[in-house]
Amino acid sequence: MTDRVLRLTRDDFEAGASLDEALPAAIRAIYVAEGMASFSAGGATATLAANSAFFHIGPVSIRAGAEGARLLRYELDPGDAAPAGAGITSERKLEASLALDDPDGYLFRCDKVELPPGGIAYTHTHQGGGIRCLLKGGFNVRVHGETTELGEYDAWFEAGPDPVYAWAPDDAPGHFSRAMILPRRLKGKSSIRYVDPADADKPKLQKYTVFLDEFIDT
């Protein structure tokens, strides 16, 4: 069994701000929540707009676009390295330990889930742990009888096997970014399992957008 730590950091870049030094190598997905940013890694550069994501395991340099950028940086065991540069502020949102023991290996998935106002995620589990961060609206998450009410850019962890019931408020959507460490056999497949089989057949209002589904070595 390998114990790893998944971390989420929010990085805010002012217009045109760039890192003084590249981020060190790490298993890393960066979701562009707002603005635009250019990522240089492995001899290539990609410029991404809001609602897209970048994956790389080597060093990464970042420069914000003309309107700045807000990034959600998901990393598996990156250490405590923080981005340095004028016009850049960072906040560690959450970290969580994962026990990885699947002999077939894992993948790193970064996606976005969108629920309309009043939308419900019926009681379910997942086949791997992950960190979520609310992007827009509000969200409520109930685990073991305790409910957490979340606001924009609040983050939470779901271990996977713990049953979760979640919903958006009646007057606001619930849109969130998510990164999960999942078994390799789930590449391109849903990780969700409904606790009550009857819920699997109910209409689902949530929309999923998968940005990255990358095999990783753990």
N, C-alpha and C. Protein backbone atom coordinates (compact mmCIF):
# COMPACT_ATOMS: atom_id res chain seq x y z
N MET A 1 0.85 -1.20 0.00
CA MET A 1 0.00 0.00 0.00
C MET A 1 0.88 1.25 0.00
N THR A 2 0.50 2.22 -0.81
CA THR A 2 1.24 3.48 -0.88
C THR A 2 0.35 4.61 -0.37
N ASP A 3 0.84 5.33 0.63
CA ASP A 3 0.10 6.48 1.15
C ASP A 3 0.57 7.74 0.42
N ARG A 4 -0.36 8.44 -0.19
CA ARG A 4 -0.06 9.65 -0.93
C ARG A 4 -0.95 10.77 -0.42
N VAL A 5 -0.59 12.01 -0.75
CA VAL A 5 -1.37 13.18 -0.35
C VAL A 5 -1.79 13.94 -1.59
N LEU A 6 -3.08 14.17 -1.71
CA LEU A 6 -3.63 14.99 -2.79
C LEU A 6 -3.89 16.37 -2.23
N ARG A 7 -3.40 17.40 -2.95
CA ARG A 7 -3.54 18.77 -2.47
C ARG A 7 -4.19 19.65 -3.52
N LEU A 8 -4.94 20.64 -3.05
CA LEU A 8 -5.52 21.66 -3.92
C LEU A 8 -5.05 23.03 -3.46
N THR A 9 -4.49 23.80 -4.40
CA THR A 9 -4.06 25.17 -4.14
C THR A 9 -4.71 26.09 -5.16
N ARG A 10 -5.21 27.22 -4.69
CA ARG A 10 -5.74 28.24 -5.60
C ARG A 10 -4.66 29.28 -5.85
N ASP A 11 -4.36 29.53 -7.12
CA ASP A 11 -3.38 30.53 -7.51
C ASP A 11 -4.07 31.64 -8.28
N ASP A 12 -3.91 32.88 -7.81
CA ASP A 12 -4.46 34.05 -8.50
C ASP A 12 -3.33 34.85 -9.12
N PHE A 13 -3.38 35.01 -10.45
CA PHE A 13 -2.37 35.74 -11.21
C PHE A 13 -2.97 37.06 -11.69
N GLU A 14 -2.29 38.16 -11.42
CA GLU A 14 -2.70 39.42 -12.01
C GLU A 14 -2.37 39.42 -13.50
N ALA A 15 -2.88 40.41 -14.21
CA ALA A 15 -2.68 40.48 -15.66
C ALA A 15 -1.19 40.38 -16.01
N GLY A 16 -0.84 39.43 -16.86
CA GLY A 16 0.52 39.27 -17.34
C GLY A 16 1.52 38.71 -16.35
N ALA A 17 1.09 38.38 -15.14
CA ALA A 17 2.02 37.87 -14.13
C ALA A 17 2.56 36.50 -14.55
N SER A 18 3.81 36.22 -14.16
CA SER A 18 4.42 34.94 -14.50
C SER A 18 5.29 34.46 -13.34
N LEU A 19 5.53 33.16 -13.30
CA LEU A 19 6.36 32.58 -12.25
C LEU A 19 7.81 32.99 -12.42
N ASP A 20 8.49 33.26 -11.30
CA ASP A 20 9.93 33.51 -11.34
C ASP A 20 10.69 32.24 -11.71
N GLU A 21 10.20 31.10 -11.22
CA GLU A 21 10.79 29.80 -11.52
C GLU A 21 9.67 28.81 -11.79
N ALA A 22 9.96 27.83 -12.60
CA ALA A 22 8.96 26.80 -12.91
C ALA A 22 8.58 26.03 -11.66
N LEU A 23 7.34 25.58 -11.60
CA LEU A 23 6.94 24.66 -10.53
C LEU A 23 7.72 23.36 -10.69
N PRO A 24 8.12 22.75 -9.59
CA PRO A 24 8.89 21.50 -9.69
C PRO A 24 8.03 20.36 -10.22
N ALA A 25 8.69 19.31 -10.66
CA ALA A 25 7.97 18.15 -11.18
C ALA A 25 7.01 17.60 -10.14
N ALA A 26 5.82 17.21 -10.59
CA ALA A 26 4.80 16.61 -9.73
C ALA A 26 3.71 16.06 -10.63
N ILE A 27 2.95 15.11 -10.12
CA ILE A 27 1.74 14.68 -10.82
C ILE A 27 0.71 15.78 -10.59
N ARG A 28 0.38 16.51 -11.65
CA ARG A 28 -0.30 17.79 -11.47
C ARG A 28 -1.34 18.04 -12.56
N ALA A 29 -2.53 18.47 -12.15
CA ALA A 29 -3.54 18.98 -13.08
C ALA A 29 -3.90 20.39 -12.63
N ILE A 30 -3.96 21.31 -13.58
CA ILE A 30 -4.30 22.70 -13.28
C ILE A 30 -5.55 23.08 -14.06
N TYR A 31 -6.59 23.42 -13.33
CA TYR A 31 -7.85 23.84 -13.95
C TYR A 31 -7.90 25.36 -14.01
N VAL A 32 -8.18 25.90 -15.18
CA VAL A 32 -8.30 27.35 -15.35
C VAL A 32 -9.74 27.73 -15.02
N ALA A 33 -9.92 28.32 -13.85
CA ALA A 33 -11.27 28.69 -13.40
C ALA A 33 -11.73 30.01 -13.98
N GLU A 34 -10.79 30.95 -14.11
CA GLU A 34 -11.13 32.27 -14.65
C GLU A 34 -9.93 32.80 -15.44
N GLY A 35 -10.20 33.62 -16.45
CA GLY A 35 -9.13 34.26 -17.21
C GLY A 35 -8.49 33.32 -18.21
N MET A 36 -7.21 33.53 -18.44
CA MET A 36 -6.46 32.75 -19.43
C MET A 36 -5.02 32.64 -18.96
N ALA A 37 -4.37 31.50 -19.27
CA ALA A 37 -2.99 31.30 -18.86
C ALA A 37 -2.26 30.43 -19.87
N SER A 38 -0.94 30.66 -19.97
CA SER A 38 -0.08 29.86 -20.83
C SER A 38 0.80 28.97 -19.95
N PHE A 39 0.90 27.70 -20.33
CA PHE A 39 1.67 26.71 -19.58
C PHE A 39 2.79 26.20 -20.48
N SER A 40 4.02 26.28 -19.99
CA SER A 40 5.17 25.80 -20.74
C SER A 40 5.77 24.61 -20.01
N ALA A 41 5.88 23.48 -20.72
CA ALA A 41 6.40 22.26 -20.11
C ALA A 41 6.86 21.33 -21.22
N GLY A 42 7.96 20.64 -20.98
CA GLY A 42 8.43 19.66 -21.93
C GLY A 42 8.76 20.23 -23.30
N GLY A 43 9.15 21.50 -23.36
CA GLY A 43 9.51 22.11 -24.62
C GLY A 43 8.36 22.64 -25.44
N ALA A 44 7.14 22.59 -24.90
CA ALA A 44 5.96 23.09 -25.61
C ALA A 44 5.18 24.05 -24.72
N THR A 45 4.38 24.91 -25.35
CA THR A 45 3.55 25.86 -24.62
C THR A 45 2.10 25.73 -25.07
N ALA A 46 1.18 25.70 -24.09
CA ALA A 46 -0.25 25.66 -24.38
C ALA A 46 -0.92 26.83 -23.69
N THR A 47 -1.76 27.55 -24.41
CA THR A 47 -2.52 28.66 -23.84
C THR A 47 -3.97 28.23 -23.70
N LEU A 48 -4.47 28.30 -22.46
CA LEU A 48 -5.80 27.79 -22.16
C LEU A 48 -6.69 28.88 -21.60
N ALA A 49 -7.94 28.87 -22.04
CA ALA A 49 -8.95 29.79 -21.54
C ALA A 49 -9.67 29.16 -20.36
N ALA A 50 -10.57 29.93 -19.75
CA ALA A 50 -11.34 29.43 -18.61
C ALA A 50 -12.11 28.17 -19.00
N ASN A 51 -12.29 27.30 -18.02
CA ASN A 51 -12.99 26.03 -18.17
C ASN A 51 -12.21 25.07 -19.05
N SER A 52 -10.94 24.94 -18.75
CA SER A 52 -10.09 23.95 -19.40
C SER A 52 -9.01 23.56 -18.40
N ALA A 53 -8.26 22.49 -18.72
CA ALA A 53 -7.29 21.99 -17.74
C ALA A 53 -6.02 21.51 -18.43
N PHE A 54 -4.92 21.55 -17.68
CA PHE A 54 -3.59 21.19 -18.17
C PHE A 54 -3.01 20.13 -17.25
N PHE A 55 -2.38 19.10 -17.84
CA PHE A 55 -1.77 18.02 -17.06
C PHE A 55 -0.32 17.86 -17.47
N HIS A 56 0.56 17.70 -16.47
CA HIS A 56 1.96 17.42 -16.75
C HIS A 56 2.61 16.91 -15.48
N ILE A 57 3.63 16.05 -15.64
CA ILE A 57 4.32 15.53 -14.46
C ILE A 57 5.71 16.13 -14.29
N GLY A 58 6.14 16.95 -15.24
CA GLY A 58 7.43 17.61 -15.14
C GLY A 58 7.29 19.05 -14.68
N PRO A 59 8.39 19.81 -14.66
CA PRO A 59 8.34 21.22 -14.30
C PRO A 59 7.41 22.00 -15.24
N VAL A 60 6.73 22.99 -14.68
CA VAL A 60 5.76 23.78 -15.45
C VAL A 60 5.96 25.26 -15.16
N SER A 61 6.07 26.07 -16.23
CA SER A 61 6.09 27.52 -16.10
C SER A 61 4.71 28.06 -16.49
N ILE A 62 4.30 29.16 -15.84
CA ILE A 62 2.95 29.70 -16.06
C ILE A 62 3.04 31.20 -16.24
N ARG A 63 2.29 31.70 -17.21
CA ARG A 63 2.12 33.14 -17.41
C ARG A 63 0.64 33.42 -17.64
N ALA A 64 0.12 34.42 -16.92
CA ALA A 64 -1.29 34.79 -17.08
C ALA A 64 -1.49 35.63 -18.32
N GLY A 65 -2.71 35.63 -18.82
CA GLY A 65 -3.09 36.45 -19.95
C GLY A 65 -3.33 37.89 -19.56
N ALA A 66 -3.86 38.66 -20.50
CA ALA A 66 -4.01 40.10 -20.31
C ALA A 66 -5.04 40.45 -19.24
N GLU A 67 -5.91 39.52 -18.90
CA GLU A 67 -6.92 39.78 -17.86
C GLU A 67 -6.64 39.01 -16.59
N GLY A 68 -5.45 38.40 -16.49
CA GLY A 68 -5.14 37.62 -15.30
C GLY A 68 -5.73 36.23 -15.38
N ALA A 69 -5.56 35.46 -14.30
CA ALA A 69 -6.06 34.09 -14.27
C ALA A 69 -6.25 33.64 -12.83
N ARG A 70 -7.24 32.80 -12.66
CA ARG A 70 -7.44 32.10 -11.39
C ARG A 70 -7.34 30.62 -11.68
N LEU A 71 -6.39 29.94 -11.02
CA LEU A 71 -6.10 28.56 -11.30
C LEU A 71 -6.35 27.70 -10.07
N LEU A 72 -6.85 26.49 -10.30
CA LEU A 72 -6.99 25.49 -9.25
C LEU A 72 -5.97 24.39 -9.55
N ARG A 73 -4.98 24.28 -8.68
CA ARG A 73 -3.83 23.41 -8.92
C ARG A 73 -3.96 22.16 -8.04
N TYR A 74 -4.26 21.03 -8.68
CA TYR A 74 -4.39 19.75 -7.99
C TYR A 74 -3.08 18.98 -8.16
N GLU A 75 -2.48 18.56 -7.04
CA GLU A 75 -1.19 17.88 -7.11
C GLU A 75 -1.16 16.68 -6.18
N LEU A 76 -0.51 15.63 -6.65
CA LEU A 76 -0.30 14.45 -5.83
C LEU A 76 1.13 14.50 -5.31
N ASP A 77 1.25 14.75 -4.01
CA ASP A 77 2.56 14.84 -3.35
C ASP A 77 3.51 15.85 -3.98
N PRO A 78 3.13 17.13 -4.07
CA PRO A 78 4.05 18.09 -4.68
C PRO A 78 5.02 18.69 -3.69
N GLY A 79 4.89 18.37 -2.39
CA GLY A 79 5.69 19.07 -1.39
C GLY A 79 5.07 20.42 -1.07
N ASP A 80 5.86 21.30 -0.50
CA ASP A 80 5.35 22.60 -0.08
C ASP A 80 5.76 23.74 -1.00
N ALA A 81 6.22 23.41 -2.19
CA ALA A 81 6.64 24.46 -3.11
C ALA A 81 5.47 25.36 -3.46
N ALA A 82 5.66 26.68 -3.34
CA ALA A 82 4.64 27.65 -3.68
C ALA A 82 5.12 28.50 -4.84
N PRO A 83 4.24 28.86 -5.74
CA PRO A 83 4.67 29.68 -6.88
C PRO A 83 5.12 31.06 -6.41
N ALA A 84 6.20 31.54 -6.99
CA ALA A 84 6.73 32.86 -6.64
C ALA A 84 6.74 33.73 -7.87
N GLY A 85 6.37 35.00 -7.67
CA GLY A 85 6.38 35.96 -8.76
C GLY A 85 5.53 37.16 -8.40
N ALA A 86 5.88 38.31 -8.94
CA ALA A 86 5.11 39.52 -8.67
C ALA A 86 3.70 39.36 -9.23
N GLY A 87 2.72 39.77 -8.42
CA GLY A 87 1.34 39.71 -8.86
C GLY A 87 0.72 38.33 -8.75
N ILE A 88 1.30 37.44 -7.93
CA ILE A 88 0.77 36.09 -7.75
C ILE A 88 0.50 35.84 -6.28
N THR A 89 -0.70 35.39 -5.96
CA THR A 89 -1.03 35.00 -4.60
C THR A 89 -1.59 33.57 -4.62
N SER A 90 -1.27 32.81 -3.58
CA SER A 90 -1.68 31.41 -3.53
C SER A 90 -2.30 31.10 -2.18
N GLU A 91 -3.25 30.17 -2.20
CA GLU A 91 -3.91 29.72 -0.98
C GLU A 91 -4.09 28.21 -1.04
N ARG A 92 -3.53 27.50 -0.08
CA ARG A 92 -3.75 26.06 0.01
C ARG A 92 -5.18 25.85 0.50
N LYS A 93 -6.01 25.22 -0.32
CA LYS A 93 -7.42 25.06 0.02
C LYS A 93 -7.67 23.79 0.83
N LEU A 94 -6.97 22.70 0.47
CA LEU A 94 -7.27 21.43 1.13
C LEU A 94 -6.20 20.41 0.78
N GLU A 95 -5.98 19.47 1.68
CA GLU A 95 -5.16 18.31 1.37
C GLU A 95 -5.75 17.10 2.06
N ALA A 96 -5.54 15.93 1.46
CA ALA A 96 -6.13 14.71 1.99
C ALA A 96 -5.24 13.52 1.65
N SER A 97 -5.15 12.57 2.58
CA SER A 97 -4.35 11.37 2.38
C SER A 97 -5.14 10.31 1.63
N LEU A 98 -4.44 9.61 0.74
CA LEU A 98 -5.04 8.51 -0.02
C LEU A 98 -4.19 7.27 0.16
N ALA A 99 -4.83 6.13 0.43
CA ALA A 99 -4.14 4.85 0.50
C ALA A 99 -4.34 4.16 -0.84
N LEU A 100 -3.29 4.05 -1.63
CA LEU A 100 -3.38 3.51 -2.99
C LEU A 100 -2.79 2.10 -3.00
N ASP A 101 -3.65 1.10 -3.21
CA ASP A 101 -3.20 -0.28 -3.12
C ASP A 101 -3.70 -1.16 -4.26
N ASP A 102 -4.20 -0.55 -5.34
CA ASP A 102 -4.68 -1.33 -6.47
C ASP A 102 -3.48 -1.77 -7.33
N PRO A 103 -3.22 -3.07 -7.46
CA PRO A 103 -2.03 -3.52 -8.22
C PRO A 103 -2.10 -3.17 -9.71
N ASP A 104 -3.29 -2.87 -10.21
CA ASP A 104 -3.44 -2.54 -11.63
C ASP A 104 -3.14 -1.06 -11.91
N GLY A 105 -2.94 -0.26 -10.85
CA GLY A 105 -2.56 1.13 -11.04
C GLY A 105 -3.73 2.10 -11.07
N TYR A 106 -3.38 3.38 -11.30
CA TYR A 106 -4.36 4.45 -11.15
C TYR A 106 -4.31 5.44 -12.31
N LEU A 107 -5.37 6.24 -12.37
CA LEU A 107 -5.41 7.37 -13.29
C LEU A 107 -5.82 8.62 -12.53
N PHE A 108 -5.47 9.75 -13.10
CA PHE A 108 -5.76 11.07 -12.53
C PHE A 108 -6.83 11.69 -13.42
N ARG A 109 -8.01 11.90 -12.85
CA ARG A 109 -9.12 12.50 -13.61
C ARG A 109 -9.41 13.90 -13.09
N CYS A 110 -9.51 14.84 -14.01
CA CYS A 110 -9.94 16.19 -13.68
C CYS A 110 -11.17 16.49 -14.52
N ASP A 111 -12.27 16.84 -13.86
CA ASP A 111 -13.50 17.12 -14.58
C ASP A 111 -14.29 18.23 -13.90
N LYS A 112 -15.43 18.55 -14.47
CA LYS A 112 -16.32 19.56 -13.93
C LYS A 112 -17.72 18.99 -13.87
N VAL A 113 -18.41 19.27 -12.76
CA VAL A 113 -19.78 18.81 -12.58
C VAL A 113 -20.67 20.05 -12.42
N GLU A 114 -21.78 20.05 -13.14
CA GLU A 114 -22.70 21.18 -13.09
C GLU A 114 -24.11 20.69 -12.75
N LEU A 115 -24.63 21.16 -11.62
CA LEU A 115 -26.02 20.89 -11.25
C LEU A 115 -26.81 22.18 -11.36
N PRO A 116 -28.03 22.12 -11.89
CA PRO A 116 -28.88 23.31 -11.94
C PRO A 116 -29.45 23.61 -10.56
N PRO A 117 -30.08 24.78 -10.37
CA PRO A 117 -30.72 25.04 -9.08
C PRO A 117 -31.67 23.91 -8.69
N GLY A 118 -31.54 23.44 -7.47
CA GLY A 118 -32.38 22.35 -6.99
C GLY A 118 -31.94 20.97 -7.43
N GLY A 119 -30.84 20.88 -8.20
CA GLY A 119 -30.37 19.58 -8.67
C GLY A 119 -29.85 18.72 -7.53
N ILE A 120 -30.07 17.41 -7.64
CA ILE A 120 -29.71 16.47 -6.57
C ILE A 120 -28.75 15.41 -7.10
N ALA A 121 -27.71 15.14 -6.31
CA ALA A 121 -26.85 13.97 -6.54
C ALA A 121 -27.27 12.94 -5.50
N TYR A 122 -28.04 11.96 -5.93
CA TYR A 122 -28.60 10.98 -5.00
C TYR A 122 -27.47 10.20 -4.31
N THR A 123 -27.81 9.62 -3.16
CA THR A 123 -26.81 8.97 -2.32
C THR A 123 -25.96 8.00 -3.13
N HIS A 124 -24.64 8.25 -3.09
CA HIS A 124 -23.73 7.52 -3.97
C HIS A 124 -22.36 7.38 -3.33
N THR A 125 -21.55 6.52 -3.91
CA THR A 125 -20.15 6.41 -3.58
C THR A 125 -19.34 6.55 -4.87
N HIS A 126 -18.01 6.65 -4.70
CA HIS A 126 -17.12 6.66 -5.86
C HIS A 126 -16.04 5.60 -5.66
N GLN A 127 -15.39 5.21 -6.73
CA GLN A 127 -14.38 4.16 -6.67
C GLN A 127 -12.97 4.72 -6.46
N GLY A 128 -12.90 5.90 -5.89
CA GLY A 128 -11.63 6.52 -5.58
C GLY A 128 -11.85 7.85 -4.89
N GLY A 129 -10.83 8.33 -4.20
CA GLY A 129 -10.94 9.59 -3.48
C GLY A 129 -10.63 10.78 -4.36
N GLY A 130 -11.12 11.96 -3.93
CA GLY A 130 -10.84 13.16 -4.69
C GLY A 130 -11.25 14.43 -3.96
N ILE A 131 -10.72 15.54 -4.46
CA ILE A 131 -11.01 16.87 -3.91
C ILE A 131 -11.88 17.63 -4.90
N ARG A 132 -12.87 18.33 -4.37
CA ARG A 132 -13.76 19.16 -5.16
C ARG A 132 -13.63 20.61 -4.72
N CYS A 133 -13.95 21.54 -5.63
CA CYS A 133 -13.94 22.97 -5.31
C CYS A 133 -15.11 23.63 -6.02
N LEU A 134 -15.96 24.29 -5.26
CA LEU A 134 -17.15 24.93 -5.85
C LEU A 134 -16.75 26.15 -6.65
N LEU A 135 -17.25 26.21 -7.88
CA LEU A 135 -16.92 27.30 -8.78
C LEU A 135 -18.00 28.37 -8.84
N LYS A 136 -19.25 27.94 -8.73
CA LYS A 136 -20.36 28.86 -8.95
C LYS A 136 -21.57 28.41 -8.16
N GLY A 137 -22.27 29.37 -7.55
CA GLY A 137 -23.53 29.08 -6.87
C GLY A 137 -23.32 28.62 -5.44
N GLY A 138 -23.99 27.54 -5.08
CA GLY A 138 -23.90 26.97 -3.74
C GLY A 138 -24.02 25.47 -3.82
N PHE A 139 -23.70 24.79 -2.72
CA PHE A 139 -23.77 23.34 -2.73
C PHE A 139 -23.86 22.84 -1.30
N ASN A 140 -24.56 21.73 -1.12
CA ASN A 140 -24.72 21.09 0.18
C ASN A 140 -24.30 19.63 0.06
N VAL A 141 -23.46 19.18 0.99
CA VAL A 141 -22.94 17.82 0.95
C VAL A 141 -23.22 17.15 2.30
N ARG A 142 -23.92 16.00 2.26
CA ARG A 142 -24.25 15.28 3.50
C ARG A 142 -23.52 13.95 3.52
N VAL A 143 -22.70 13.74 4.56
CA VAL A 143 -21.96 12.50 4.76
C VAL A 143 -22.12 12.07 6.21
N HIS A 144 -22.50 10.83 6.43
CA HIS A 144 -22.69 10.29 7.78
C HIS A 144 -23.63 11.17 8.61
N GLY A 145 -24.67 11.69 7.97
CA GLY A 145 -25.69 12.47 8.67
C GLY A 145 -25.33 13.92 8.93
N GLU A 146 -24.12 14.34 8.56
CA GLU A 146 -23.70 15.72 8.77
C GLU A 146 -23.65 16.46 7.44
N THR A 147 -24.25 17.66 7.40
CA THR A 147 -24.34 18.43 6.18
C THR A 147 -23.39 19.62 6.22
N THR A 148 -22.64 19.80 5.15
CA THR A 148 -21.75 20.94 4.98
C THR A 148 -22.30 21.83 3.88
N GLU A 149 -22.48 23.11 4.20
CA GLU A 149 -22.96 24.09 3.20
C GLU A 149 -21.74 24.81 2.63
N LEU A 150 -21.62 24.81 1.33
CA LEU A 150 -20.44 25.32 0.66
C LEU A 150 -20.74 26.55 -0.17
N GLY A 151 -19.78 27.49 -0.18
CA GLY A 151 -19.86 28.68 -1.02
C GLY A 151 -18.79 28.65 -2.08
N GLU A 152 -18.76 29.66 -2.92
CA GLU A 152 -17.83 29.67 -4.05
C GLU A 152 -16.38 29.60 -3.58
N TYR A 153 -15.64 28.71 -4.19
CA TYR A 153 -14.23 28.41 -3.94
C TYR A 153 -13.98 27.75 -2.60
N ASP A 154 -15.04 27.24 -1.96
CA ASP A 154 -14.84 26.31 -0.85
C ASP A 154 -14.50 24.94 -1.43
N ALA A 155 -13.67 24.19 -0.71
CA ALA A 155 -13.24 22.88 -1.18
C ALA A 155 -13.66 21.80 -0.18
N TRP A 156 -13.85 20.58 -0.69
CA TRP A 156 -14.17 19.46 0.19
C TRP A 156 -13.60 18.17 -0.41
N PHE A 157 -13.44 17.18 0.46
CA PHE A 157 -12.87 15.89 0.06
C PHE A 157 -13.93 14.81 0.20
N GLU A 158 -13.98 13.92 -0.78
CA GLU A 158 -14.81 12.72 -0.69
C GLU A 158 -13.90 11.52 -0.81
N ALA A 159 -13.92 10.66 0.20
CA ALA A 159 -12.98 9.55 0.26
C ALA A 159 -13.25 8.48 -0.79
N GLY A 160 -14.51 8.37 -1.21
CA GLY A 160 -14.88 7.36 -2.20
C GLY A 160 -15.91 6.39 -1.65
N PRO A 161 -15.56 5.56 -0.65
CA PRO A 161 -16.53 4.57 -0.16
C PRO A 161 -17.61 5.14 0.74
N ASP A 162 -17.45 6.36 1.26
CA ASP A 162 -18.45 6.94 2.14
C ASP A 162 -19.66 7.42 1.32
N PRO A 163 -20.88 6.97 1.67
CA PRO A 163 -22.06 7.42 0.94
C PRO A 163 -22.27 8.93 1.08
N VAL A 164 -22.53 9.59 -0.04
CA VAL A 164 -22.70 11.04 -0.09
C VAL A 164 -24.02 11.37 -0.76
N TYR A 165 -24.76 12.29 -0.14
CA TYR A 165 -25.97 12.87 -0.74
C TYR A 165 -25.71 14.36 -0.86
N ALA A 166 -25.92 14.93 -2.04
CA ALA A 166 -25.57 16.33 -2.25
C ALA A 166 -26.62 17.01 -3.13
N TRP A 167 -26.73 18.34 -2.96
CA TRP A 167 -27.72 19.06 -3.74
C TRP A 167 -27.37 20.55 -3.85
N ALA A 168 -27.83 21.14 -4.93
CA ALA A 168 -27.71 22.59 -5.11
C ALA A 168 -28.93 23.27 -4.50
N PRO A 169 -28.78 24.51 -4.00
CA PRO A 169 -29.94 25.22 -3.45
C PRO A 169 -30.96 25.51 -4.54
N ASP A 170 -32.17 25.83 -4.11
CA ASP A 170 -33.25 26.07 -5.07
C ASP A 170 -33.01 27.33 -5.91
N ASP A 171 -32.21 28.26 -5.39
CA ASP A 171 -32.07 29.55 -6.06
C ASP A 171 -30.70 29.75 -6.71
N ALA A 172 -29.88 28.70 -6.79
CA ALA A 172 -28.54 28.85 -7.37
C ALA A 172 -28.05 27.51 -7.89
N PRO A 173 -27.23 27.52 -8.93
CA PRO A 173 -26.66 26.26 -9.40
C PRO A 173 -25.55 25.77 -8.48
N GLY A 174 -25.06 24.58 -8.74
CA GLY A 174 -23.90 24.05 -8.04
C GLY A 174 -22.90 23.52 -9.06
N HIS A 175 -21.93 24.34 -9.42
CA HIS A 175 -20.91 23.95 -10.39
C HIS A 175 -19.58 23.77 -9.66
N PHE A 176 -18.93 22.63 -9.85
CA PHE A 176 -17.66 22.45 -9.16
C PHE A 176 -16.63 21.72 -10.02
N SER A 177 -15.37 22.05 -9.73
CA SER A 177 -14.21 21.38 -10.32
C SER A 177 -13.85 20.19 -9.43
N ARG A 178 -13.30 19.16 -10.05
CA ARG A 178 -13.01 17.94 -9.28
C ARG A 178 -11.77 17.25 -9.82
N ALA A 179 -10.96 16.71 -8.91
CA ALA A 179 -9.84 15.85 -9.28
C ALA A 179 -9.92 14.59 -8.44
N MET A 180 -9.86 13.43 -9.10
CA MET A 180 -9.97 12.15 -8.42
C MET A 180 -8.84 11.22 -8.86
N ILE A 181 -8.42 10.38 -7.94
CA ILE A 181 -7.46 9.32 -8.23
C ILE A 181 -8.26 8.02 -8.29
N LEU A 182 -8.33 7.42 -9.50
CA LEU A 182 -9.22 6.30 -9.75
C LEU A 182 -8.46 5.10 -10.30
N PRO A 183 -9.01 3.89 -10.14
CA PRO A 183 -8.39 2.72 -10.77
C PRO A 183 -8.31 2.88 -12.29
N ARG A 184 -7.25 2.34 -12.88
CA ARG A 184 -7.04 2.48 -14.32
C ARG A 184 -8.19 1.91 -15.15
N ARG A 185 -8.85 0.90 -14.62
CA ARG A 185 -9.93 0.27 -15.40
C ARG A 185 -11.10 1.22 -15.66
N LEU A 186 -11.11 2.37 -14.96
CA LEU A 186 -12.21 3.32 -15.12
C LEU A 186 -11.92 4.39 -16.17
N LYS A 187 -10.83 4.28 -16.90
CA LYS A 187 -10.55 5.28 -17.93
C LYS A 187 -11.73 5.38 -18.89
N GLY A 188 -12.26 6.59 -19.02
CA GLY A 188 -13.40 6.82 -19.90
C GLY A 188 -14.74 6.36 -19.35
N LYS A 189 -14.75 5.89 -18.09
CA LYS A 189 -15.98 5.37 -17.49
C LYS A 189 -16.34 6.14 -16.22
N SER A 190 -17.59 6.13 -15.87
CA SER A 190 -18.04 6.78 -14.65
C SER A 190 -17.55 6.02 -13.43
N SER A 191 -17.26 6.76 -12.36
CA SER A 191 -16.80 6.14 -11.11
C SER A 191 -17.91 6.02 -10.08
N ILE A 192 -19.11 6.49 -10.40
CA ILE A 192 -20.18 6.60 -9.41
C ILE A 192 -20.93 5.28 -9.25
N ARG A 193 -21.34 5.02 -8.01
CA ARG A 193 -22.21 3.89 -7.69
C ARG A 193 -23.32 4.40 -6.77
N TYR A 194 -24.57 4.11 -7.11
CA TYR A 194 -25.69 4.56 -6.28
C TYR A 194 -25.99 3.54 -5.20
N VAL A 195 -26.17 4.04 -3.97
CA VAL A 195 -26.42 3.16 -2.83
C VAL A 195 -27.76 2.45 -2.98
N ASP A 196 -28.79 3.17 -3.41
CA ASP A 196 -30.11 2.60 -3.69
C ASP A 196 -30.18 2.36 -5.20
N PRO A 197 -30.25 1.11 -5.64
CA PRO A 197 -30.29 0.84 -7.08
C PRO A 197 -31.40 1.58 -7.81
N ALA A 198 -32.49 1.89 -7.11
CA ALA A 198 -33.60 2.60 -7.75
C ALA A 198 -33.18 4.00 -8.19
N ASP A 199 -32.20 4.60 -7.49
CA ASP A 199 -31.76 5.95 -7.85
C ASP A 199 -31.02 5.97 -9.18
N ALA A 200 -30.45 4.84 -9.56
CA ALA A 200 -29.71 4.80 -10.82
C ALA A 200 -30.61 5.06 -12.02
N ASP A 201 -31.88 4.77 -11.89
CA ASP A 201 -32.82 4.94 -13.00
C ASP A 201 -33.56 6.27 -12.97
N LYS A 202 -33.34 7.07 -11.94
CA LYS A 202 -34.02 8.36 -11.86
C LYS A 202 -33.36 9.36 -12.82
N PRO A 203 -34.12 10.32 -13.33
CA PRO A 203 -33.52 11.34 -14.22
C PRO A 203 -32.41 12.09 -13.50
N LYS A 204 -31.30 12.32 -14.20
CA LYS A 204 -30.16 13.03 -13.62
C LYS A 204 -30.02 14.38 -14.32
N LEU A 205 -29.95 15.44 -13.51
CA LEU A 205 -29.85 16.79 -14.06
C LEU A 205 -28.42 17.27 -14.16
N GLN A 206 -27.48 16.57 -13.52
CA GLN A 206 -26.10 17.05 -13.54
C GLN A 206 -25.44 16.79 -14.90
N LYS A 207 -24.52 17.68 -15.23
CA LYS A 207 -23.75 17.59 -16.48
C LYS A 207 -22.28 17.41 -16.13
N TYR A 208 -21.59 16.51 -16.84
CA TYR A 208 -20.18 16.24 -16.59
C TYR A 208 -19.34 16.64 -17.80
N THR A 209 -18.21 17.27 -17.53
CA THR A 209 -17.23 17.56 -18.57
C THR A 209 -15.88 17.04 -18.09
N VAL A 210 -15.35 16.03 -18.78
CA VAL A 210 -14.05 15.45 -18.41
C VAL A 210 -12.96 16.13 -19.23
N PHE A 211 -11.98 16.70 -18.54
CA PHE A 211 -10.86 17.37 -19.19
C PHE A 211 -9.65 16.46 -19.33
N LEU A 212 -9.40 15.66 -18.29
CA LEU A 212 -8.20 14.83 -18.24
C LEU A 212 -8.52 13.48 -17.64
N ASP A 213 -7.95 12.44 -18.21
CA ASP A 213 -8.11 11.08 -17.69
C ASP A 213 -6.78 10.37 -17.95
N GLU A 214 -5.77 10.70 -17.14
CA GLU A 214 -4.38 10.33 -17.44
C GLU A 214 -3.89 9.21 -16.52
N PHE A 215 -3.27 8.17 -17.11
CA PHE A 215 -2.63 7.14 -16.30
C PHE A 215 -1.45 7.75 -15.54
N ILE A 216 -1.29 7.32 -14.29
CA ILE A 216 -0.18 7.82 -13.48
C ILE A 216 0.51 6.64 -12.81
N ASP A 217 1.78 6.85 -12.46
CA ASP A 217 2.53 5.87 -11.69
C ASP A 217 2.55 6.33 -10.23
N THR A 218 2.14 5.44 -9.33
CA THR A 218 2.07 5.79 -7.92
C THR A 218 3.06 4.98 -7.11
